[in-house]
Amino acid sequence: NSDMTPRRREPPSQSLWQWYLRQLQIAPVRTKALTACLLSGVSDVMAQALTGRLARGLDVTSVRHQMLVGLTVQCSLTVKWRCVALLNDCCFVEMIAIVS
């Protein structure tokens, strides 16, 4: 009976990575926006720690602002840049086909 055989479980980090890659396929813009938001927040906390500001307490307003910038600006720019790059690639391929 196949229901009784133990399933091989992936390590949590591997399954999390697989889930993230799947989210990139399902909803790339949302996933990239949330990733940029999270990384911007983490980088602000790290910057506060490296500069000694964290010793006075976490500047939550700064982290919030950086996360907002990551969510709105950084993601928008990277998604638009990727669209422009894809458009250029397509146009370049068509130009080569026309010239050939």
C-alpha atoms as a PDB file:
ATOM      1  CA  ASN A   1       0.000   0.000   0.000  1.00  0.00           C
ATOM      2  CA  SER A   2       1.562   3.314  -1.080  1.00  0.00           C
ATOM      3  CA  ASP A   3      -0.156   5.203   1.745  1.00  0.00           C
ATOM      4  CA  MET A   4       1.915   3.302   4.304  1.00  0.00           C
ATOM      5  CA  THR A   5       5.323   4.028   2.772  1.00  0.00           C
ATOM      6  CA  PRO A   6       7.106   6.903   4.477  1.00  0.00           C
ATOM      7  CA  ARG A   7       7.531   9.972   2.348  1.00  0.00           C
ATOM      8  CA  ARG A   8      11.005  11.353   1.967  1.00  0.00           C
ATOM      9  CA  ARG A   9      10.987  14.837   3.422  1.00  0.00           C
ATOM     10  CA  GLU A  10      13.203  17.561   2.045  1.00  0.00           C
ATOM     11  CA  PRO A  11      15.185  19.681   4.481  1.00  0.00           C
ATOM     12  CA  PRO A  12      13.182  22.758   5.515  1.00  0.00           C
ATOM     13  CA  SER A  13      15.613  25.097   3.765  1.00  0.00           C
ATOM     14  CA  GLN A  14      15.315  23.120   0.527  1.00  0.00           C
ATOM     15  CA  SER A  15      11.532  23.072   0.632  1.00  0.00           C
ATOM     16  CA  LEU A  16      11.453  26.798   1.422  1.00  0.00           C
ATOM     17  CA  TRP A  17      13.711  27.497  -1.568  1.00  0.00           C
ATOM     18  CA  GLN A  18      11.517  25.340  -3.813  1.00  0.00           C
ATOM     19  CA  TRP A  19       8.441  27.183  -2.554  1.00  0.00           C
ATOM     20  CA  TYR A  20      10.124  30.540  -3.291  1.00  0.00           C
ATOM     21  CA  LEU A  21      11.059  29.475  -6.815  1.00  0.00           C
ATOM     22  CA  ARG A  22       7.492  28.302  -7.380  1.00  0.00           C
ATOM     23  CA  GLN A  23       6.167  31.668  -6.183  1.00  0.00           C
ATOM     24  CA  LEU A  24       8.467  33.384  -8.684  1.00  0.00           C
ATOM     25  CA  GLN A  25       6.773  31.382 -11.435  1.00  0.00           C
ATOM     26  CA  ILE A  26       3.234  31.914 -10.163  1.00  0.00           C
ATOM     27  CA  ALA A  27       3.407  35.596  -9.189  1.00  0.00           C
ATOM     28  CA  PRO A  28       6.780  37.056 -10.169  1.00  0.00           C
ATOM     29  CA  VAL A  29       6.026  40.730  -9.528  1.00  0.00           C
ATOM     30  CA  ARG A  30       4.470  40.147  -6.106  1.00  0.00           C
ATOM     31  CA  THR A  31       7.290  37.794  -5.094  1.00  0.00           C
ATOM     32  CA  LYS A  32       9.988  40.199  -6.250  1.00  0.00           C
ATOM     33  CA  ALA A  33       8.266  43.109  -4.502  1.00  0.00           C
ATOM     34  CA  LEU A  34       8.056  41.262  -1.195  1.00  0.00           C
ATOM     35  CA  THR A  35      11.640  40.033  -1.554  1.00  0.00           C
ATOM     36  CA  ALA A  36      12.889  43.570  -2.189  1.00  0.00           C
ATOM     37  CA  CYS A  37      10.861  44.786   0.803  1.00  0.00           C
ATOM     38  CA  LEU A  38      12.295  42.136   3.121  1.00  0.00           C
ATOM     39  CA  LEU A  39      15.883  42.558   1.930  1.00  0.00           C
ATOM     40  CA  SER A  40      15.667  46.334   2.258  1.00  0.00           C
ATOM     41  CA  GLY A  41      14.481  46.001   5.840  1.00  0.00           C
ATOM     42  CA  VAL A  42      17.192  43.499   6.717  1.00  0.00           C
ATOM     43  CA  SER A  43      19.863  45.676   5.102  1.00  0.00           C
ATOM     44  CA  ASP A  44      18.736  48.696   7.118  1.00  0.00           C
ATOM     45  CA  VAL A  45      18.936  46.716  10.372  1.00  0.00           C
ATOM     46  CA  MET A  46      22.411  45.499   9.380  1.00  0.00           C
ATOM     47  CA  ALA A  47      23.487  49.065   8.554  1.00  0.00           C
ATOM     48  CA  GLN A  48      22.262  50.241  11.946  1.00  0.00           C
ATOM     49  CA  ALA A  49      24.222  47.437  13.624  1.00  0.00           C
ATOM     50  CA  LEU A  50      27.423  48.150  11.682  1.00  0.00           C
ATOM     51  CA  THR A  51      27.330  51.888  12.363  1.00  0.00           C
ATOM     52  CA  GLY A  52      26.598  51.463  16.076  1.00  0.00           C
ATOM     53  CA  ARG A  53      23.149  53.059  15.863  1.00  0.00           C
ATOM     54  CA  LEU A  54      21.519  49.791  16.872  1.00  0.00           C
ATOM     55  CA  ALA A  55      23.077  50.103  20.348  1.00  0.00           C
ATOM     56  CA  ARG A  56      20.740  53.059  20.993  1.00  0.00           C
ATOM     57  CA  GLY A  57      17.767  50.980  19.906  1.00  0.00           C
ATOM     58  CA  LEU A  58      16.289  49.895  16.616  1.00  0.00           C
ATOM     59  CA  ASP A  59      15.158  52.805  14.456  1.00  0.00           C
ATOM     60  CA  VAL A  60      11.870  51.276  13.355  1.00  0.00           C
ATOM     61  CA  THR A  61      10.943  54.313  11.247  1.00  0.00           C
ATOM     62  CA  SER A  62      14.108  53.934   9.196  1.00  0.00           C
ATOM     63  CA  VAL A  63      13.476  50.220   8.674  1.00  0.00           C
ATOM     64  CA  ARG A  64       9.865  50.916   7.699  1.00  0.00           C
ATOM     65  CA  HIS A  65      10.932  53.580   5.184  1.00  0.00           C
ATOM     66  CA  GLN A  66      13.559  51.314   3.638  1.00  0.00           C
ATOM     67  CA  MET A  67      11.042  48.486   3.349  1.00  0.00           C
ATOM     68  CA  LEU A  68       8.590  50.833   1.651  1.00  0.00           C
ATOM     69  CA  VAL A  69      11.281  51.934  -0.809  1.00  0.00           C
ATOM     70  CA  GLY A  70      12.114  48.291  -1.532  1.00  0.00           C
ATOM     71  CA  LEU A  71       8.458  47.411  -2.026  1.00  0.00           C
ATOM     72  CA  THR A  72       7.624  50.298  -4.320  1.00  0.00           C
ATOM     73  CA  VAL A  73      10.689  51.796  -5.980  1.00  0.00           C
ATOM     74  CA  GLN A  74      13.294  49.046  -6.177  1.00  0.00           C
ATOM     75  CA  CYS A  75      10.866  46.400  -7.332  1.00  0.00           C
ATOM     76  CA  SER A  76       9.232  48.680  -9.881  1.00  0.00           C
ATOM     77  CA  LEU A  77      12.562  49.649 -11.367  1.00  0.00           C
ATOM     78  CA  THR A  78      13.858  46.106 -11.604  1.00  0.00           C
ATOM     79  CA  VAL A  79      10.638  44.754 -13.106  1.00  0.00           C
ATOM     80  CA  LYS A  80      10.504  47.593 -15.646  1.00  0.00           C
ATOM     81  CA  TRP A  81      14.208  47.184 -16.429  1.00  0.00           C
ATOM     82  CA  ARG A  82      13.643  43.473 -17.043  1.00  0.00           C
ATOM     83  CA  CYS A  83      10.716  44.252 -19.365  1.00  0.00           C
ATOM     84  CA  VAL A  84      12.837  46.746 -21.301  1.00  0.00           C
ATOM     85  CA  ALA A  85      15.663  44.198 -21.556  1.00  0.00           C
ATOM     86  CA  LEU A  86      13.258  41.529 -22.820  1.00  0.00           C
ATOM     87  CA  LEU A  87      11.779  43.963 -25.331  1.00  0.00           C
ATOM     88  CA  ASN A  88      15.250  44.884 -26.572  1.00  0.00           C
ATOM     89  CA  ASP A  89      16.161  41.200 -26.900  1.00  0.00           C
ATOM     90  CA  CYS A  90      13.015  40.510 -28.906  1.00  0.00           C
ATOM     91  CA  CYS A  91      13.578  43.521 -31.167  1.00  0.00           C
ATOM     92  CA  PHE A  92      17.220  42.551 -31.671  1.00  0.00           C
ATOM     93  CA  VAL A  93      16.239  39.012 -32.679  1.00  0.00           C
ATOM     94  CA  GLU A  94      13.630  40.370 -35.110  1.00  0.00           C
ATOM     95  CA  MET A  95      16.159  42.819 -36.592  1.00  0.00           C
ATOM     96  CA  ILE A  96      18.628  39.973 -37.170  1.00  0.00           C
ATOM     97  CA  ALA A  97      15.872  37.906 -38.808  1.00  0.00           C
ATOM     98  CA  ILE A  98      14.954  40.818 -41.104  1.00  0.00           C
ATOM     99  CA  VAL A  99      18.569  41.522 -42.064  1.00  0.00           C
ATOM    100  CA  SER A 100      19.373  37.842 -42.722  1.00  0.00           C
END
